[in-house]
Amino acid sequence: MSEVHCGGCQCGAMRYQFHAPLQDIAHCHCSICRRSTGGILTTWITVPLASFAWLAGTPSEFASSASCTRSFCPSCGAHLTLFTTLSPETLDITVATLDQPQRAPADRHIWVQNRLPWLHVDEQLPQEQQEHIP
């Protein structure tokens, strides 16, 4: 039986769950993530798209690039997911919106070519200049 994990936005209007292990977790340093979340990095977990379901609410969506669509809560604005046509079988979920984010530590850094020069987080983790999508 697969693991079930839940999460949601700050105001509680949006709730989701997925059935997948807590793995394939990356700190993203790209400028698009910074601007869309307001954070200095965004930590994502990548899960099979088929394992994900919205339990409550209907997200708003924004096409942040030619290949990426981001979903967020229309009430509080919390950034929840990212879908990319570069990996159409998967969905990225913001780790910070998990009910138990402490259970999902990152295993690498991605897009470090855009990393803010003064930021030093988990420097012992592997670093990818861009992102290597299998």
N, C-alpha and C. Protein backbone atom coordinates (compact mmCIF):
# COMPACT_ATOMS: atom_id res chain seq x y z
N MET A 1 0.85 -1.18 0.00
CA MET A 1 0.00 0.00 0.00
C MET A 1 0.89 1.24 0.00
N SER A 2 0.54 2.23 -0.80
CA SER A 2 1.37 3.44 -0.90
C SER A 2 1.04 4.42 0.23
N GLU A 3 1.98 5.31 0.46
CA GLU A 3 1.81 6.33 1.49
C GLU A 3 0.80 7.37 1.03
N VAL A 4 -0.01 7.86 1.97
CA VAL A 4 -0.97 8.92 1.68
C VAL A 4 -0.51 10.17 2.43
N HIS A 5 -0.42 11.28 1.71
CA HIS A 5 0.00 12.55 2.30
C HIS A 5 -1.02 13.62 1.91
N CYS A 6 -1.27 14.53 2.83
CA CYS A 6 -2.24 15.59 2.60
C CYS A 6 -1.61 16.95 2.84
N GLY A 7 -2.27 17.96 2.30
CA GLY A 7 -1.81 19.32 2.51
C GLY A 7 -2.87 20.29 2.06
N GLY A 8 -2.53 21.57 2.13
CA GLY A 8 -3.48 22.59 1.72
C GLY A 8 -2.91 23.98 1.89
N CYS A 9 -3.76 24.93 1.59
CA CYS A 9 -3.35 26.34 1.64
C CYS A 9 -3.48 26.92 3.05
N GLN A 10 -3.11 28.16 3.20
CA GLN A 10 -3.13 28.83 4.50
C GLN A 10 -4.56 29.00 5.03
N CYS A 11 -5.49 29.39 4.16
CA CYS A 11 -6.85 29.67 4.64
C CYS A 11 -7.70 28.42 4.78
N GLY A 12 -7.25 27.29 4.23
CA GLY A 12 -7.98 26.03 4.34
C GLY A 12 -8.98 25.78 3.23
N ALA A 13 -9.14 26.71 2.29
CA ALA A 13 -10.09 26.52 1.18
C ALA A 13 -9.65 25.42 0.24
N MET A 14 -8.34 25.24 0.08
CA MET A 14 -7.80 24.23 -0.82
C MET A 14 -7.19 23.10 -0.01
N ARG A 15 -7.57 21.87 -0.34
CA ARG A 15 -6.99 20.69 0.29
C ARG A 15 -6.66 19.69 -0.82
N TYR A 16 -5.57 18.94 -0.63
CA TYR A 16 -5.16 17.93 -1.61
C TYR A 16 -4.62 16.71 -0.90
N GLN A 17 -4.47 15.63 -1.63
CA GLN A 17 -3.77 14.45 -1.13
C GLN A 17 -3.06 13.79 -2.30
N PHE A 18 -2.04 13.01 -1.97
CA PHE A 18 -1.38 12.19 -2.98
C PHE A 18 -0.93 10.90 -2.33
N HIS A 19 -0.83 9.87 -3.17
CA HIS A 19 -0.43 8.53 -2.75
C HIS A 19 0.94 8.26 -3.37
N ALA A 20 1.99 8.60 -2.66
CA ALA A 20 3.35 8.41 -3.16
C ALA A 20 4.32 8.60 -2.00
N PRO A 21 5.50 8.01 -2.08
CA PRO A 21 6.50 8.22 -1.04
C PRO A 21 7.05 9.65 -1.08
N LEU A 22 7.57 10.08 0.05
CA LEU A 22 8.19 11.40 0.16
C LEU A 22 9.62 11.29 -0.35
N GLN A 23 9.78 11.42 -1.66
CA GLN A 23 11.09 11.36 -2.32
C GLN A 23 11.06 12.27 -3.53
N ASP A 24 12.20 12.47 -4.16
CA ASP A 24 12.33 13.38 -5.30
C ASP A 24 11.92 14.79 -4.88
N ILE A 25 12.68 15.32 -3.90
CA ILE A 25 12.38 16.62 -3.30
C ILE A 25 13.57 17.54 -3.55
N ALA A 26 13.28 18.72 -4.10
CA ALA A 26 14.36 19.63 -4.50
C ALA A 26 14.08 21.07 -4.08
N HIS A 27 15.17 21.74 -3.65
CA HIS A 27 15.13 23.19 -3.44
C HIS A 27 15.35 23.84 -4.81
N CYS A 28 14.36 24.59 -5.30
CA CYS A 28 14.49 25.25 -6.59
C CYS A 28 14.91 26.71 -6.39
N HIS A 29 15.94 27.11 -7.11
CA HIS A 29 16.49 28.46 -7.01
C HIS A 29 16.15 29.33 -8.21
N CYS A 30 15.24 28.89 -9.09
CA CYS A 30 14.97 29.68 -10.30
C CYS A 30 14.25 30.98 -9.95
N SER A 31 14.44 31.95 -10.81
CA SER A 31 13.84 33.26 -10.58
C SER A 31 12.32 33.23 -10.71
N ILE A 32 11.78 32.32 -11.51
CA ILE A 32 10.33 32.24 -11.65
C ILE A 32 9.70 31.76 -10.34
N CYS A 33 10.30 30.77 -9.70
CA CYS A 33 9.78 30.32 -8.39
C CYS A 33 9.87 31.44 -7.36
N ARG A 34 10.98 32.17 -7.36
CA ARG A 34 11.12 33.28 -6.40
C ARG A 34 9.99 34.28 -6.58
N ARG A 35 9.76 34.69 -7.81
CA ARG A 35 8.73 35.70 -8.07
C ARG A 35 7.32 35.18 -7.81
N SER A 36 7.07 33.93 -8.14
CA SER A 36 5.70 33.41 -7.98
C SER A 36 5.35 33.07 -6.54
N THR A 37 6.35 32.77 -5.71
CA THR A 37 6.06 32.42 -4.32
C THR A 37 6.41 33.55 -3.34
N GLY A 38 7.29 34.45 -3.77
CA GLY A 38 7.75 35.49 -2.85
C GLY A 38 8.83 35.00 -1.90
N GLY A 39 9.32 33.78 -2.11
CA GLY A 39 10.37 33.22 -1.26
C GLY A 39 11.71 33.24 -1.95
N ILE A 40 12.78 33.03 -1.20
CA ILE A 40 14.12 33.04 -1.79
C ILE A 40 14.46 31.72 -2.47
N LEU A 41 13.67 30.69 -2.20
CA LEU A 41 13.70 29.43 -2.92
C LEU A 41 12.37 28.74 -2.67
N THR A 42 12.08 27.74 -3.46
CA THR A 42 10.86 26.95 -3.27
C THR A 42 11.27 25.49 -3.24
N THR A 43 10.75 24.76 -2.27
CA THR A 43 11.05 23.34 -2.17
C THR A 43 9.85 22.56 -2.71
N TRP A 44 10.15 21.70 -3.68
CA TRP A 44 9.13 20.92 -4.39
C TRP A 44 9.30 19.43 -4.15
N ILE A 45 8.18 18.73 -4.08
CA ILE A 45 8.20 17.27 -4.17
C ILE A 45 7.52 16.92 -5.49
N THR A 46 8.12 16.02 -6.23
CA THR A 46 7.56 15.57 -7.49
C THR A 46 6.89 14.22 -7.27
N VAL A 47 5.62 14.13 -7.67
CA VAL A 47 4.84 12.90 -7.47
C VAL A 47 4.19 12.51 -8.80
N PRO A 48 3.80 11.25 -8.93
CA PRO A 48 3.06 10.86 -10.13
C PRO A 48 1.74 11.65 -10.20
N LEU A 49 1.45 12.22 -11.35
CA LEU A 49 0.23 13.00 -11.53
C LEU A 49 -1.01 12.17 -11.16
N ALA A 50 -1.01 10.91 -11.52
CA ALA A 50 -2.16 10.05 -11.24
C ALA A 50 -2.38 9.82 -9.75
N SER A 51 -1.38 10.09 -8.92
CA SER A 51 -1.51 9.87 -7.47
C SER A 51 -2.11 11.07 -6.74
N PHE A 52 -2.32 12.18 -7.45
CA PHE A 52 -2.73 13.44 -6.84
C PHE A 52 -4.22 13.70 -7.02
N ALA A 53 -4.87 14.26 -5.99
CA ALA A 53 -6.28 14.64 -6.10
C ALA A 53 -6.54 15.87 -5.24
N TRP A 54 -7.36 16.76 -5.75
CA TRP A 54 -7.87 17.88 -4.96
C TRP A 54 -9.00 17.36 -4.11
N LEU A 55 -8.98 17.64 -2.81
CA LEU A 55 -10.04 17.20 -1.90
C LEU A 55 -11.06 18.30 -1.66
N ALA A 56 -10.62 19.54 -1.72
CA ALA A 56 -11.50 20.68 -1.47
C ALA A 56 -11.02 21.87 -2.27
N GLY A 57 -11.96 22.62 -2.81
CA GLY A 57 -11.64 23.84 -3.54
C GLY A 57 -11.27 23.59 -4.98
N THR A 58 -11.26 24.68 -5.73
CA THR A 58 -10.83 24.67 -7.13
C THR A 58 -9.72 25.70 -7.26
N PRO A 59 -8.52 25.26 -7.64
CA PRO A 59 -7.40 26.20 -7.70
C PRO A 59 -7.51 27.16 -8.89
N SER A 60 -6.89 28.30 -8.74
CA SER A 60 -6.66 29.20 -9.86
C SER A 60 -5.35 28.76 -10.49
N GLU A 61 -5.18 29.05 -11.78
CA GLU A 61 -3.96 28.64 -12.48
C GLU A 61 -3.33 29.82 -13.20
N PHE A 62 -2.01 29.72 -13.33
CA PHE A 62 -1.24 30.75 -14.03
C PHE A 62 -0.16 30.06 -14.85
N ALA A 63 -0.08 30.36 -16.13
CA ALA A 63 0.97 29.81 -16.99
C ALA A 63 2.21 30.70 -16.80
N SER A 64 3.16 30.23 -16.00
CA SER A 64 4.33 31.03 -15.67
C SER A 64 5.42 30.95 -16.73
N SER A 65 5.30 30.01 -17.66
CA SER A 65 6.23 29.89 -18.78
C SER A 65 5.52 29.07 -19.86
N ALA A 66 6.17 28.88 -20.97
CA ALA A 66 5.57 28.11 -22.07
C ALA A 66 5.29 26.66 -21.67
N SER A 67 6.05 26.13 -20.71
CA SER A 67 5.89 24.72 -20.34
C SER A 67 5.32 24.49 -18.94
N CYS A 68 5.11 25.55 -18.16
CA CYS A 68 4.70 25.37 -16.77
C CYS A 68 3.42 26.12 -16.41
N THR A 69 2.54 25.41 -15.70
CA THR A 69 1.32 26.00 -15.15
C THR A 69 1.35 25.80 -13.64
N ARG A 70 1.15 26.89 -12.92
CA ARG A 70 1.17 26.86 -11.46
C ARG A 70 -0.25 27.03 -10.94
N SER A 71 -0.57 26.32 -9.85
CA SER A 71 -1.89 26.47 -9.24
C SER A 71 -1.72 27.09 -7.86
N PHE A 72 -2.72 27.85 -7.49
CA PHE A 72 -2.69 28.53 -6.20
C PHE A 72 -4.11 28.70 -5.68
N CYS A 73 -4.23 29.00 -4.41
CA CYS A 73 -5.54 29.21 -3.80
C CYS A 73 -6.09 30.57 -4.24
N PRO A 74 -7.32 30.60 -4.77
CA PRO A 74 -7.88 31.87 -5.19
C PRO A 74 -8.24 32.79 -4.02
N SER A 75 -8.30 32.25 -2.80
CA SER A 75 -8.64 33.07 -1.64
C SER A 75 -7.41 33.66 -0.95
N CYS A 76 -6.45 32.81 -0.58
CA CYS A 76 -5.28 33.31 0.17
C CYS A 76 -4.04 33.46 -0.69
N GLY A 77 -4.05 32.91 -1.90
CA GLY A 77 -2.92 33.05 -2.82
C GLY A 77 -1.80 32.05 -2.62
N ALA A 78 -1.94 31.10 -1.70
CA ALA A 78 -0.87 30.12 -1.47
C ALA A 78 -0.57 29.35 -2.75
N HIS A 79 0.71 29.26 -3.08
CA HIS A 79 1.19 28.54 -4.26
C HIS A 79 1.23 27.06 -3.90
N LEU A 80 0.53 26.22 -4.67
CA LEU A 80 0.36 24.82 -4.30
C LEU A 80 1.07 23.83 -5.22
N THR A 81 0.89 23.97 -6.54
CA THR A 81 1.46 22.97 -7.44
C THR A 81 2.04 23.62 -8.69
N LEU A 82 2.81 22.80 -9.41
CA LEU A 82 3.36 23.18 -10.70
C LEU A 82 3.27 21.96 -11.61
N PHE A 83 2.69 22.16 -12.78
CA PHE A 83 2.65 21.12 -13.80
C PHE A 83 3.51 21.58 -14.96
N THR A 84 4.39 20.70 -15.44
CA THR A 84 5.22 21.03 -16.59
C THR A 84 5.01 20.01 -17.70
N THR A 85 4.86 20.50 -18.92
CA THR A 85 4.72 19.62 -20.06
C THR A 85 6.02 18.87 -20.35
N LEU A 86 7.11 19.29 -19.72
CA LEU A 86 8.39 18.59 -19.88
C LEU A 86 8.38 17.25 -19.15
N SER A 87 7.46 17.09 -18.20
CA SER A 87 7.31 15.84 -17.46
C SER A 87 5.81 15.63 -17.21
N PRO A 88 5.05 15.30 -18.24
CA PRO A 88 3.59 15.29 -18.15
C PRO A 88 2.98 14.20 -17.26
N GLU A 89 3.79 13.27 -16.82
CA GLU A 89 3.29 12.20 -15.94
C GLU A 89 3.43 12.55 -14.46
N THR A 90 4.01 13.74 -14.17
CA THR A 90 4.27 14.11 -12.78
C THR A 90 3.66 15.47 -12.44
N LEU A 91 3.63 15.76 -11.15
CA LEU A 91 3.17 17.04 -10.64
C LEU A 91 4.11 17.43 -9.50
N ASP A 92 4.50 18.69 -9.46
CA ASP A 92 5.30 19.20 -8.36
C ASP A 92 4.38 19.87 -7.35
N ILE A 93 4.62 19.61 -6.08
CA ILE A 93 3.81 20.16 -4.99
C ILE A 93 4.75 20.91 -4.05
N THR A 94 4.34 22.09 -3.61
CA THR A 94 5.18 22.84 -2.67
C THR A 94 5.20 22.11 -1.33
N VAL A 95 6.39 21.77 -0.89
CA VAL A 95 6.56 21.02 0.36
C VAL A 95 6.01 21.81 1.55
N ALA A 96 6.13 23.13 1.52
CA ALA A 96 5.66 23.96 2.64
C ALA A 96 4.16 23.84 2.86
N THR A 97 3.39 23.37 1.85
CA THR A 97 1.95 23.25 2.03
C THR A 97 1.52 21.86 2.51
N LEU A 98 2.47 20.94 2.65
CA LEU A 98 2.15 19.63 3.23
C LEU A 98 1.73 19.79 4.68
N ASP A 99 0.86 18.92 5.15
CA ASP A 99 0.47 18.96 6.57
C ASP A 99 1.67 18.67 7.47
N GLN A 100 2.60 17.85 6.98
CA GLN A 100 3.79 17.51 7.75
C GLN A 100 5.05 17.76 6.91
N PRO A 101 5.37 19.02 6.63
CA PRO A 101 6.53 19.31 5.77
C PRO A 101 7.86 18.86 6.39
N GLN A 102 7.90 18.73 7.69
CA GLN A 102 9.13 18.29 8.36
C GLN A 102 9.52 16.87 7.96
N ARG A 103 8.59 16.12 7.39
CA ARG A 103 8.87 14.75 6.96
C ARG A 103 9.43 14.67 5.55
N ALA A 104 9.61 15.84 4.89
CA ALA A 104 10.01 15.85 3.48
C ALA A 104 11.25 16.71 3.24
N PRO A 105 12.42 16.27 3.73
CA PRO A 105 13.64 17.04 3.48
C PRO A 105 14.09 16.94 2.02
N ALA A 106 14.67 18.00 1.54
CA ALA A 106 15.17 18.03 0.16
C ALA A 106 16.35 17.07 -0.02
N ASP A 107 16.48 16.54 -1.25
CA ASP A 107 17.62 15.68 -1.56
C ASP A 107 18.58 16.31 -2.57
N ARG A 108 18.24 17.52 -3.06
CA ARG A 108 19.13 18.20 -4.00
C ARG A 108 18.68 19.64 -4.19
N HIS A 109 19.55 20.41 -4.85
CA HIS A 109 19.25 21.77 -5.29
C HIS A 109 19.12 21.76 -6.80
N ILE A 110 18.16 22.53 -7.34
CA ILE A 110 18.04 22.66 -8.79
C ILE A 110 18.05 24.14 -9.17
N TRP A 111 18.43 24.39 -10.40
CA TRP A 111 18.56 25.74 -10.94
C TRP A 111 19.49 26.60 -10.10
N VAL A 112 20.61 26.01 -9.66
CA VAL A 112 21.56 26.76 -8.83
C VAL A 112 22.27 27.86 -9.61
N GLN A 113 22.20 27.84 -10.93
CA GLN A 113 22.78 28.94 -11.70
C GLN A 113 22.05 30.25 -11.41
N ASN A 114 20.84 30.16 -10.85
CA ASN A 114 20.07 31.34 -10.48
C ASN A 114 20.03 31.58 -8.97
N ARG A 115 20.80 30.82 -8.23
CA ARG A 115 20.82 30.92 -6.77
C ARG A 115 21.25 32.32 -6.34
N LEU A 116 20.60 32.85 -5.32
CA LEU A 116 21.03 34.13 -4.76
C LEU A 116 22.39 33.93 -4.10
N PRO A 117 23.35 34.79 -4.40
CA PRO A 117 24.72 34.54 -3.96
C PRO A 117 24.91 34.52 -2.44
N TRP A 118 24.02 35.12 -1.70
CA TRP A 118 24.16 35.16 -0.25
C TRP A 118 23.41 34.04 0.47
N LEU A 119 22.73 33.17 -0.29
CA LEU A 119 21.95 32.09 0.31
C LEU A 119 22.80 30.82 0.44
N HIS A 120 22.84 30.27 1.62
CA HIS A 120 23.58 29.02 1.89
C HIS A 120 22.66 28.06 2.62
N VAL A 121 22.11 27.08 1.88
CA VAL A 121 21.17 26.11 2.43
C VAL A 121 21.61 24.72 2.02
N ASP A 122 21.79 23.83 2.98
CA ASP A 122 22.12 22.43 2.69
C ASP A 122 23.16 22.28 1.59
N GLU A 123 24.29 22.92 1.75
CA GLU A 123 25.30 22.92 0.69
C GLU A 123 25.92 21.55 0.44
N GLN A 124 25.69 20.57 1.31
CA GLN A 124 26.21 19.23 1.09
C GLN A 124 25.35 18.43 0.10
N LEU A 125 24.16 18.93 -0.23
CA LEU A 125 23.30 18.24 -1.19
C LEU A 125 23.82 18.40 -2.61
N PRO A 126 23.52 17.45 -3.50
CA PRO A 126 23.90 17.60 -4.90
C PRO A 126 23.28 18.86 -5.49
N GLN A 127 23.98 19.46 -6.46
CA GLN A 127 23.51 20.70 -7.07
C GLN A 127 23.49 20.55 -8.59
N GLU A 128 22.35 20.93 -9.17
CA GLU A 128 22.19 20.90 -10.63
C GLU A 128 22.10 22.33 -11.12
N GLN A 129 22.91 22.69 -12.12
CA GLN A 129 22.88 24.04 -12.65
C GLN A 129 21.50 24.41 -13.16
N GLN A 130 20.83 23.47 -13.81
CA GLN A 130 19.45 23.62 -14.22
C GLN A 130 18.68 22.51 -13.52
N GLU A 131 17.79 21.87 -14.18
CA GLU A 131 17.12 20.71 -13.59
C GLU A 131 17.21 19.56 -14.56
N HIS A 132 17.62 18.41 -14.06
CA HIS A 132 17.71 17.21 -14.87
C HIS A 132 16.43 16.41 -14.69
N ILE A 133 15.58 16.40 -15.71
CA ILE A 133 14.33 15.67 -15.66
C ILE A 133 14.56 14.32 -16.33
N PRO A 134 14.37 13.24 -15.56
CA PRO A 134 14.61 11.90 -16.13
C PRO A 134 13.64 11.56 -17.25
